[in-house]
Amino acid sequence: MIFLTFGFGLIHGLGFSYVLQEANLKAGNLAIPLVFFNLGVEMGQILIVSAVYPLTVGLSRLMQNSYLYLKRGILVLIAAVGFYWMVERLFFG
């Protein structure tokens, strides 16, 4: 599990480094923007999880039998969007 987490974090970090590269930051002034960029990303993730988690708990209680299929469908959709963005950035960006 730790290797999966490491791999996901590495790919995720490379995607964010692409965004920072587009900002044309100078080498000497990289630390402060990098810290605030990471804080902004983490705060955004906390806000999204805070909004989505209660919804998923409510849905799991409401749709006990079909919740697993809904969850799998949403995960496939999220994976497809992520794969599309990866291909777009690798080959067309």
PDB file of N, CA and C in Angstrom:
ATOM      1  N   MET A   1       0.818  -1.199   0.000  1.00  0.00           N
ATOM      2  CA  MET A   1       0.000   0.000   0.000  1.00  0.00           C
ATOM      3  C   MET A   1       0.855   1.254   0.000  1.00  0.00           C
ATOM      4  N   ILE A   2       1.983   1.203   0.688  1.00  0.00           N
ATOM      5  CA  ILE A   2       2.835   2.389   0.754  1.00  0.00           C
ATOM      6  C   ILE A   2       3.412   2.741  -0.625  1.00  0.00           C
ATOM      7  N   PHE A   3       3.674   1.729  -1.457  1.00  0.00           N
ATOM      8  CA  PHE A   3       4.208   2.002  -2.791  1.00  0.00           C
ATOM      9  C   PHE A   3       3.144   2.631  -3.688  1.00  0.00           C
ATOM     10  N   LEU A   4       1.903   2.208  -3.531  1.00  0.00           N
ATOM     11  CA  LEU A   4       0.809   2.795  -4.283  1.00  0.00           C
ATOM     12  C   LEU A   4       0.627   4.262  -3.895  1.00  0.00           C
ATOM     13  N   THR A   5       0.681   4.527  -2.609  1.00  0.00           N
ATOM     14  CA  THR A   5       0.559   5.901  -2.127  1.00  0.00           C
ATOM     15  C   THR A   5       1.717   6.756  -2.624  1.00  0.00           C
ATOM     16  N   PHE A   6       2.921   6.201  -2.560  1.00  0.00           N
ATOM     17  CA  PHE A   6       4.093   6.933  -3.041  1.00  0.00           C
ATOM     18  C   PHE A   6       3.966   7.238  -4.532  1.00  0.00           C
ATOM     19  N   GLY A   7       3.559   6.244  -5.309  1.00  0.00           N
ATOM     20  CA  GLY A   7       3.416   6.440  -6.758  1.00  0.00           C
ATOM     21  C   GLY A   7       2.368   7.480  -7.090  1.00  0.00           C
ATOM     22  N   PHE A   8       1.226   7.425  -6.403  1.00  0.00           N
ATOM     23  CA  PHE A   8       0.184   8.410  -6.637  1.00  0.00           C
ATOM     24  C   PHE A   8       0.672   9.804  -6.268  1.00  0.00           C
ATOM     25  N   GLY A   9       1.347   9.929  -5.132  1.00  0.00           N
ATOM     26  CA  GLY A   9       1.874  11.228  -4.716  1.00  0.00           C
ATOM     27  C   GLY A   9       2.904  11.775  -5.687  1.00  0.00           C
ATOM     28  N   LEU A  10       3.727  10.888  -6.228  1.00  0.00           N
ATOM     29  CA  LEU A  10       4.741  11.313  -7.191  1.00  0.00           C
ATOM     30  C   LEU A  10       4.097  11.844  -8.465  1.00  0.00           C
ATOM     31  N   ILE A  11       3.135  11.114  -8.988  1.00  0.00           N
ATOM     32  CA  ILE A  11       2.453  11.556 -10.210  1.00  0.00           C
ATOM     33  C   ILE A  11       1.688  12.847  -9.947  1.00  0.00           C
ATOM     34  N   HIS A  12       1.036  12.923  -8.807  1.00  0.00           N
ATOM     35  CA  HIS A  12       0.288  14.118  -8.429  1.00  0.00           C
ATOM     36  C   HIS A  12       1.228  15.318  -8.325  1.00  0.00           C
ATOM     37  N   GLY A  13       2.371  15.129  -7.689  1.00  0.00           N
ATOM     38  CA  GLY A  13       3.356  16.202  -7.538  1.00  0.00           C
ATOM     39  C   GLY A  13       3.926  16.666  -8.865  1.00  0.00           C
ATOM     40  N   LEU A  14       4.135  15.734  -9.784  1.00  0.00           N
ATOM     41  CA  LEU A  14       4.633  16.113 -11.101  1.00  0.00           C
ATOM     42  C   LEU A  14       3.622  16.979 -11.845  1.00  0.00           C
ATOM     43  N   GLY A  15       2.357  16.669 -11.661  1.00  0.00           N
ATOM     44  CA  GLY A  15       1.320  17.501 -12.277  1.00  0.00           C
ATOM     45  C   GLY A  15       1.327  18.909 -11.726  1.00  0.00           C
ATOM     46  N   PHE A  16       1.505  19.032 -10.412  1.00  0.00           N
ATOM     47  CA  PHE A  16       1.554  20.363  -9.819  1.00  0.00           C
ATOM     48  C   PHE A  16       2.831  21.096 -10.201  1.00  0.00           C
ATOM     49  N   SER A  17       3.915  20.383 -10.388  1.00  0.00           N
ATOM     50  CA  SER A  17       5.159  21.049 -10.783  1.00  0.00           C
ATOM     51  C   SER A  17       5.020  21.652 -12.170  1.00  0.00           C
ATOM     52  N   TYR A  18       4.211  21.044 -13.008  1.00  0.00           N
ATOM     53  CA  TYR A  18       3.955  21.590 -14.343  1.00  0.00           C
ATOM     54  C   TYR A  18       3.280  22.958 -14.225  1.00  0.00           C
ATOM     55  N   VAL A  19       2.332  23.084 -13.303  1.00  0.00           N
ATOM     56  CA  VAL A  19       1.642  24.355 -13.089  1.00  0.00           C
ATOM     57  C   VAL A  19       2.626  25.402 -12.580  1.00  0.00           C
ATOM     58  N   LEU A  20       3.498  25.012 -11.645  1.00  0.00           N
ATOM     59  CA  LEU A  20       4.488  25.959 -11.130  1.00  0.00           C
ATOM     60  C   LEU A  20       5.486  26.370 -12.207  1.00  0.00           C
ATOM     61  N   GLN A  21       5.810  25.454 -13.103  1.00  0.00           N
ATOM     62  CA  GLN A  21       6.740  25.772 -14.188  1.00  0.00           C
ATOM     63  C   GLN A  21       6.141  26.848 -15.092  1.00  0.00           C
ATOM     64  N   GLU A  22       4.843  26.795 -15.312  1.00  0.00           N
ATOM     65  CA  GLU A  22       4.176  27.795 -16.147  1.00  0.00           C
ATOM     66  C   GLU A  22       4.160  29.178 -15.501  1.00  0.00           C
ATOM     67  N   ALA A  23       4.355  29.237 -14.180  1.00  0.00           N
ATOM     68  CA  ALA A  23       4.336  30.515 -13.476  1.00  0.00           C
ATOM     69  C   ALA A  23       5.634  31.296 -13.657  1.00  0.00           C
ATOM     70  N   ASN A  24       6.657  30.684 -14.254  1.00  0.00           N
ATOM     71  CA  ASN A  24       7.951  31.328 -14.520  1.00  0.00           C
ATOM     72  C   ASN A  24       8.563  31.944 -13.264  1.00  0.00           C
ATOM     73  N   LEU A  25       8.622  31.168 -12.189  1.00  0.00           N
ATOM     74  CA  LEU A  25       9.231  31.643 -10.951  1.00  0.00           C
ATOM     75  C   LEU A  25      10.746  31.557 -11.039  1.00  0.00           C
ATOM     76  N   LYS A  26      11.427  32.520 -10.436  1.00  0.00           N
ATOM     77  CA  LYS A  26      12.883  32.511 -10.412  1.00  0.00           C
ATOM     78  C   LYS A  26      13.368  31.546  -9.339  1.00  0.00           C
ATOM     79  N   ALA A  27      14.537  30.976  -9.534  1.00  0.00           N
ATOM     80  CA  ALA A  27      15.074  29.950  -8.628  1.00  0.00           C
ATOM     81  C   ALA A  27      15.208  30.465  -7.199  1.00  0.00           C
ATOM     82  N   GLY A  28      15.600  31.693  -6.988  1.00  0.00           N
ATOM     83  CA  GLY A  28      15.794  32.236  -5.654  1.00  0.00           C
ATOM     84  C   GLY A  28      14.497  32.545  -4.926  1.00  0.00           C
ATOM     85  N   ASN A  29      13.415  32.703  -5.670  1.00  0.00           N
ATOM     86  CA  ASN A  29      12.128  33.070  -5.081  1.00  0.00           C
ATOM     87  C   ASN A  29      11.123  31.928  -5.137  1.00  0.00           C
ATOM     88  N   LEU A  30      11.588  30.713  -5.043  1.00  0.00           N
ATOM     89  CA  LEU A  30      10.706  29.567  -5.219  1.00  0.00           C
ATOM     90  C   LEU A  30      10.077  29.076  -3.924  1.00  0.00           C
ATOM     91  N   ALA A  31      10.742  29.224  -2.788  1.00  0.00           N
ATOM     92  CA  ALA A  31      10.289  28.606  -1.539  1.00  0.00           C
ATOM     93  C   ALA A  31       8.934  29.132  -1.076  1.00  0.00           C
ATOM     94  N   ILE A  32       8.769  30.435  -0.995  1.00  0.00           N
ATOM     95  CA  ILE A  32       7.525  31.005  -0.471  1.00  0.00           C
ATOM     96  C   ILE A  32       6.342  30.695  -1.387  1.00  0.00           C
ATOM     97  N   PRO A  33       6.444  30.908  -2.703  1.00  0.00           N
ATOM     98  CA  PRO A  33       5.305  30.518  -3.558  1.00  0.00           C
ATOM     99  C   PRO A  33       4.996  29.025  -3.494  1.00  0.00           C
ATOM    100  N   LEU A  34       6.017  28.198  -3.358  1.00  0.00           N
ATOM    101  CA  LEU A  34       5.805  26.758  -3.275  1.00  0.00           C
ATOM    102  C   LEU A  34       5.051  26.388  -2.000  1.00  0.00           C
ATOM    103  N   VAL A  35       5.418  26.991  -0.878  1.00  0.00           N
ATOM    104  CA  VAL A  35       4.733  26.723   0.389  1.00  0.00           C
ATOM    105  C   VAL A  35       3.266  27.151   0.301  1.00  0.00           C
ATOM    106  N   PHE A  36       3.013  28.362  -0.212  1.00  0.00           N
ATOM    107  CA  PHE A  36       1.630  28.831  -0.302  1.00  0.00           C
ATOM    108  C   PHE A  36       0.828  28.047  -1.329  1.00  0.00           C
ATOM    109  N   PHE A  37       1.470  27.612  -2.395  1.00  0.00           N
ATOM    110  CA  PHE A  37       0.802  26.772  -3.388  1.00  0.00           C
ATOM    111  C   PHE A  37       0.355  25.467  -2.736  1.00  0.00           C
ATOM    112  N   ASN A  38       1.266  24.825  -1.992  1.00  0.00           N
ATOM    113  CA  ASN A  38       0.933  23.567  -1.325  1.00  0.00           C
ATOM    114  C   ASN A  38      -0.146  23.760  -0.262  1.00  0.00           C
ATOM    115  N   LEU A  39      -0.071  24.846   0.489  1.00  0.00           N
ATOM    116  CA  LEU A  39      -1.115  25.121   1.484  1.00  0.00           C
ATOM    117  C   LEU A  39      -2.476  25.308   0.805  1.00  0.00           C
ATOM    118  N   GLY A  40      -2.480  25.992  -0.314  1.00  0.00           N
ATOM    119  CA  GLY A  40      -3.734  26.182  -1.054  1.00  0.00           C
ATOM    120  C   GLY A  40      -4.298  24.872  -1.571  1.00  0.00           C
ATOM    121  N   VAL A  41      -3.427  24.006  -2.064  1.00  0.00           N
ATOM    122  CA  VAL A  41      -3.870  22.691  -2.551  1.00  0.00           C
ATOM    123  C   VAL A  41      -4.448  21.882  -1.406  1.00  0.00           C
ATOM    124  N   GLU A  42      -3.763  21.853  -0.284  1.00  0.00           N
ATOM    125  CA  GLU A  42      -4.243  21.080   0.867  1.00  0.00           C
ATOM    126  C   GLU A  42      -5.558  21.630   1.397  1.00  0.00           C
ATOM    127  N   MET A  43      -5.687  22.943   1.466  1.00  0.00           N
ATOM    128  CA  MET A  43      -6.939  23.542   1.935  1.00  0.00           C
ATOM    129  C   MET A  43      -8.081  23.205   0.978  1.00  0.00           C
ATOM    130  N   GLY A  44      -7.807  23.232  -0.312  1.00  0.00           N
ATOM    131  CA  GLY A  44      -8.821  22.865  -1.294  1.00  0.00           C
ATOM    132  C   GLY A  44      -9.264  21.421  -1.131  1.00  0.00           C
ATOM    133  N   GLN A  45      -8.312  20.531  -0.894  1.00  0.00           N
ATOM    134  CA  GLN A  45      -8.656  19.122  -0.693  1.00  0.00           C
ATOM    135  C   GLN A  45      -9.479  18.931   0.577  1.00  0.00           C
ATOM    136  N   ILE A  46      -9.133  19.634   1.637  1.00  0.00           N
ATOM    137  CA  ILE A  46      -9.893  19.535   2.888  1.00  0.00           C
ATOM    138  C   ILE A  46     -11.325  20.038   2.681  1.00  0.00           C
ATOM    139  N   LEU A  47     -11.480  21.119   1.946  1.00  0.00           N
ATOM    140  CA  LEU A  47     -12.819  21.648   1.687  1.00  0.00           C
ATOM    141  C   LEU A  47     -13.653  20.671   0.865  1.00  0.00           C
ATOM    142  N   ILE A  48     -13.051  20.063  -0.142  1.00  0.00           N
ATOM    143  CA  ILE A  48     -13.779  19.106  -0.980  1.00  0.00           C
ATOM    144  C   ILE A  48     -14.183  17.881  -0.170  1.00  0.00           C
ATOM    145  N   VAL A  49     -13.254  17.341   0.607  1.00  0.00           N
ATOM    146  CA  VAL A  49     -13.571  16.168   1.430  1.00  0.00           C
ATOM    147  C   VAL A  49     -14.633  16.522   2.463  1.00  0.00           C
ATOM    148  N   SER A  50     -14.552  17.713   3.047  1.00  0.00           N
ATOM    149  CA  SER A  50     -15.541  18.136   4.037  1.00  0.00           C
ATOM    150  C   SER A  50     -16.939  18.233   3.436  1.00  0.00           C
ATOM    151  N   ALA A  51     -17.015  18.587   2.174  1.00  0.00           N
ATOM    152  CA  ALA A  51     -18.320  18.698   1.520  1.00  0.00           C
ATOM    153  C   ALA A  51     -18.827  17.344   1.025  1.00  0.00           C
ATOM    154  N   VAL A  52     -17.936  16.499   0.530  1.00  0.00           N
ATOM    155  CA  VAL A  52     -18.347  15.246  -0.101  1.00  0.00           C
ATOM    156  C   VAL A  52     -18.563  14.124   0.916  1.00  0.00           C
ATOM    157  N   TYR A  53     -17.798  14.089   1.976  1.00  0.00           N
ATOM    158  CA  TYR A  53     -17.891  12.979   2.932  1.00  0.00           C
ATOM    159  C   TYR A  53     -19.296  12.825   3.537  1.00  0.00           C
ATOM    160  N   PRO A  54     -19.903  13.895   4.064  1.00  0.00           N
ATOM    161  CA  PRO A  54     -21.261  13.719   4.604  1.00  0.00           C
ATOM    162  C   PRO A  54     -22.261  13.243   3.538  1.00  0.00           C
ATOM    163  N   LEU A  55     -22.068  13.698   2.316  1.00  0.00           N
ATOM    164  CA  LEU A  55     -22.938  13.266   1.229  1.00  0.00           C
ATOM    165  C   LEU A  55     -22.798  11.767   0.975  1.00  0.00           C
ATOM    166  N   THR A  56     -21.565  11.272   0.957  1.00  0.00           N
ATOM    167  CA  THR A  56     -21.354   9.844   0.713  1.00  0.00           C
ATOM    168  C   THR A  56     -21.878   8.992   1.871  1.00  0.00           C
ATOM    169  N   VAL A  57     -21.729   9.467   3.089  1.00  0.00           N
ATOM    170  CA  VAL A  57     -22.260   8.715   4.236  1.00  0.00           C
ATOM    171  C   VAL A  57     -23.782   8.652   4.142  1.00  0.00           C
ATOM    172  N   GLY A  58     -24.406   9.776   3.814  1.00  0.00           N
ATOM    173  CA  GLY A  58     -25.857   9.804   3.669  1.00  0.00           C
ATOM    174  C   GLY A  58     -26.343   8.897   2.550  1.00  0.00           C
ATOM    175  N   LEU A  59     -25.653   8.931   1.418  1.00  0.00           N
ATOM    176  CA  LEU A  59     -26.031   8.063   0.304  1.00  0.00           C
ATOM    177  C   LEU A  59     -25.844   6.595   0.639  1.00  0.00           C
ATOM    178  N   SER A  60     -24.776   6.261   1.363  1.00  0.00           N
ATOM    179  CA  SER A  60     -24.539   4.862   1.702  1.00  0.00           C
ATOM    180  C   SER A  60     -25.636   4.323   2.616  1.00  0.00           C
ATOM    181  N   ARG A  61     -26.182   5.168   3.465  1.00  0.00           N
ATOM    182  CA  ARG A  61     -27.279   4.737   4.346  1.00  0.00           C
ATOM    183  C   ARG A  61     -28.605   4.659   3.589  1.00  0.00           C
ATOM    184  N   LEU A  62     -28.783   5.586   2.659  1.00  0.00           N
ATOM    185  CA  LEU A  62     -30.036   5.642   1.898  1.00  0.00           C
ATOM    186  C   LEU A  62     -30.117   4.538   0.845  1.00  0.00           C
ATOM    187  N   MET A  63     -29.010   4.268   0.199  1.00  0.00           N
ATOM    188  CA  MET A  63     -28.973   3.310  -0.918  1.00  0.00           C
ATOM    189  C   MET A  63     -28.131   2.092  -0.548  1.00  0.00           C
ATOM    190  N   GLN A  64     -28.463   1.414   0.492  1.00  0.00           N
ATOM    191  CA  GLN A  64     -27.620   0.341   1.018  1.00  0.00           C
ATOM    192  C   GLN A  64     -27.262  -0.705  -0.031  1.00  0.00           C
ATOM    193  N   ASN A  65     -28.203  -1.146  -0.818  1.00  0.00           N
ATOM    194  CA  ASN A  65     -27.944  -2.232  -1.765  1.00  0.00           C
ATOM    195  C   ASN A  65     -27.239  -1.760  -3.038  1.00  0.00           C
ATOM    196  N   SER A  66     -27.580  -0.601  -3.532  1.00  0.00           N
ATOM    197  CA  SER A  66     -27.012  -0.150  -4.807  1.00  0.00           C
ATOM    198  C   SER A  66     -25.879   0.859  -4.644  1.00  0.00           C
ATOM    199  N   TYR A  67     -25.511   1.179  -3.421  1.00  0.00           N
ATOM    200  CA  TYR A  67     -24.465   2.176  -3.195  1.00  0.00           C
ATOM    201  C   TYR A  67     -23.121   1.724  -3.757  1.00  0.00           C
ATOM    202  N   LEU A  68     -22.815   0.436  -3.653  1.00  0.00           N
ATOM    203  CA  LEU A  68     -21.547  -0.076  -4.162  1.00  0.00           C
ATOM    204  C   LEU A  68     -21.421   0.167  -5.661  1.00  0.00           C
ATOM    205  N   TYR A  69     -22.508  -0.048  -6.406  1.00  0.00           N
ATOM    206  CA  TYR A  69     -22.478   0.172  -7.852  1.00  0.00           C
ATOM    207  C   TYR A  69     -22.343   1.653  -8.185  1.00  0.00           C
ATOM    208  N   LEU A  70     -23.023   2.493  -7.433  1.00  0.00           N
ATOM    209  CA  LEU A  70     -22.903   3.936  -7.632  1.00  0.00           C
ATOM    210  C   LEU A  70     -21.476   4.389  -7.365  1.00  0.00           C
ATOM    211  N   LYS A  71     -20.897   3.899  -6.272  1.00  0.00           N
ATOM    212  CA  LYS A  71     -19.535   4.275  -5.917  1.00  0.00           C
ATOM    213  C   LYS A  71     -18.546   3.840  -6.998  1.00  0.00           C
ATOM    214  N   ARG A  72     -18.690   2.629  -7.483  1.00  0.00           N
ATOM    215  CA  ARG A  72     -17.799   2.146  -8.543  1.00  0.00           C
ATOM    216  C   ARG A  72     -17.953   2.956  -9.815  1.00  0.00           C
ATOM    217  N   GLY A  73     -19.173   3.304 -10.156  1.00  0.00           N
ATOM    218  CA  GLY A  73     -19.406   4.113 -11.349  1.00  0.00           C
ATOM    219  C   GLY A  73     -18.761   5.485 -11.242  1.00  0.00           C
ATOM    220  N   ILE A  74     -18.894   6.104 -10.092  1.00  0.00           N
ATOM    221  CA  ILE A  74     -18.288   7.418  -9.888  1.00  0.00           C
ATOM    222  C   ILE A  74     -16.765   7.319  -9.926  1.00  0.00           C
ATOM    223  N   LEU A  75     -16.207   6.264  -9.341  1.00  0.00           N
ATOM    224  CA  LEU A  75     -14.754   6.086  -9.372  1.00  0.00           C
ATOM    225  C   LEU A  75     -14.242   5.873 -10.788  1.00  0.00           C
ATOM    226  N   VAL A  76     -14.988   5.131 -11.597  1.00  0.00           N
ATOM    227  CA  VAL A  76     -14.604   4.934 -12.999  1.00  0.00           C
ATOM    228  C   VAL A  76     -14.647   6.266 -13.742  1.00  0.00           C
ATOM    229  N   LEU A  77     -15.664   7.064 -13.479  1.00  0.00           N
ATOM    230  CA  LEU A  77     -15.768   8.380 -14.109  1.00  0.00           C
ATOM    231  C   LEU A  77     -14.595   9.280 -13.712  1.00  0.00           C
ATOM    232  N   ILE A  78     -14.258   9.298 -12.436  1.00  0.00           N
ATOM    233  CA  ILE A  78     -13.129  10.102 -11.964  1.00  0.00           C
ATOM    234  C   ILE A  78     -11.822   9.621 -12.606  1.00  0.00           C
ATOM    235  N   ALA A  79     -11.630   8.310 -12.680  1.00  0.00           N
ATOM    236  CA  ALA A  79     -10.420   7.756 -13.306  1.00  0.00           C
ATOM    237  C   ALA A  79     -10.356   8.122 -14.781  1.00  0.00           C
ATOM    238  N   ALA A  80     -11.488   8.094 -15.468  1.00  0.00           N
ATOM    239  CA  ALA A  80     -11.514   8.440 -16.898  1.00  0.00           C
ATOM    240  C   ALA A  80     -11.141   9.905 -17.119  1.00  0.00           C
ATOM    241  N   VAL A  81     -11.659  10.785 -16.278  1.00  0.00           N
ATOM    242  CA  VAL A  81     -11.322  12.210 -16.394  1.00  0.00           C
ATOM    243  C   VAL A  81      -9.832  12.424 -16.116  1.00  0.00           C
ATOM    244  N   GLY A  82      -9.315  11.763 -15.083  1.00  0.00           N
ATOM    245  CA  GLY A  82      -7.888  11.872 -14.767  1.00  0.00           C
ATOM    246  C   GLY A  82      -7.018  11.348 -15.894  1.00  0.00           C
ATOM    247  N   PHE A  83      -7.412  10.228 -16.487  1.00  0.00           N
ATOM    248  CA  PHE A  83      -6.653   9.666 -17.608  1.00  0.00           C
ATOM    249  C   PHE A  83      -6.685  10.607 -18.801  1.00  0.00           C
ATOM    250  N   TYR A  84      -7.841  11.199 -19.069  1.00  0.00           N
ATOM    251  CA  TYR A  84      -7.957  12.172 -20.162  1.00  0.00           C
ATOM    252  C   TYR A  84      -7.016  13.352 -19.943  1.00  0.00           C
ATOM    253  N   TRP A  85      -7.007  13.893 -18.725  1.00  0.00           N
ATOM    254  CA  TRP A  85      -6.119  15.027 -18.433  1.00  0.00           C
ATOM    255  C   TRP A  85      -4.656  14.632 -18.573  1.00  0.00           C
ATOM    256  N   MET A  86      -4.310  13.425 -18.146  1.00  0.00           N
ATOM    257  CA  MET A  86      -2.931  12.973 -18.266  1.00  0.00           C
ATOM    258  C   MET A  86      -2.518  12.874 -19.734  1.00  0.00           C
ATOM    259  N   VAL A  87      -3.359  12.255 -20.553  1.00  0.00           N
ATOM    260  CA  VAL A  87      -3.044  12.109 -21.977  1.00  0.00           C
ATOM    261  C   VAL A  87      -2.971  13.485 -22.630  1.00  0.00           C
ATOM    262  N   GLU A  88      -3.884  14.363 -22.279  1.00  0.00           N
ATOM    263  CA  GLU A  88      -3.883  15.711 -22.848  1.00  0.00           C
ATOM    264  C   GLU A  88      -2.582  16.446 -22.530  1.00  0.00           C
ATOM    265  N   ARG A  89      -2.138  16.364 -21.293  1.00  0.00           N
ATOM    266  CA  ARG A  89      -0.906  17.061 -20.905  1.00  0.00           C
ATOM    267  C   ARG A  89       0.341  16.407 -21.496  1.00  0.00           C
ATOM    268  N   LEU A  90       0.346  15.089 -21.568  1.00  0.00           N
ATOM    269  CA  LEU A  90       1.530  14.405 -22.101  1.00  0.00           C
ATOM    270  C   LEU A  90       1.698  14.599 -23.598  1.00  0.00           C
ATOM    271  N   PHE A  91       0.617  14.561 -24.333  1.00  0.00           N
ATOM    272  CA  PHE A  91       0.720  14.536 -25.787  1.00  0.00           C
ATOM    273  C   PHE A  91       0.259  15.816 -26.487  1.00  0.00           C
ATOM    274  N   PHE A  92      -0.535  16.634 -25.835  1.00  0.00           N
ATOM    275  CA  PHE A  92      -1.072  17.812 -26.499  1.00  0.00           C
ATOM    276  C   PHE A  92      -0.794  19.115 -25.759  1.00  0.00           C
ATOM    277  N   GLY A  93      -0.104  19.051 -24.615  1.00  0.00           N
ATOM    278  CA  GLY A  93       0.073  20.241 -23.798  1.00  0.00           C
ATOM    279  C   GLY A  93       1.416  20.769 -23.879  1.00  0.00           C
TER     280      GLY A  93
END
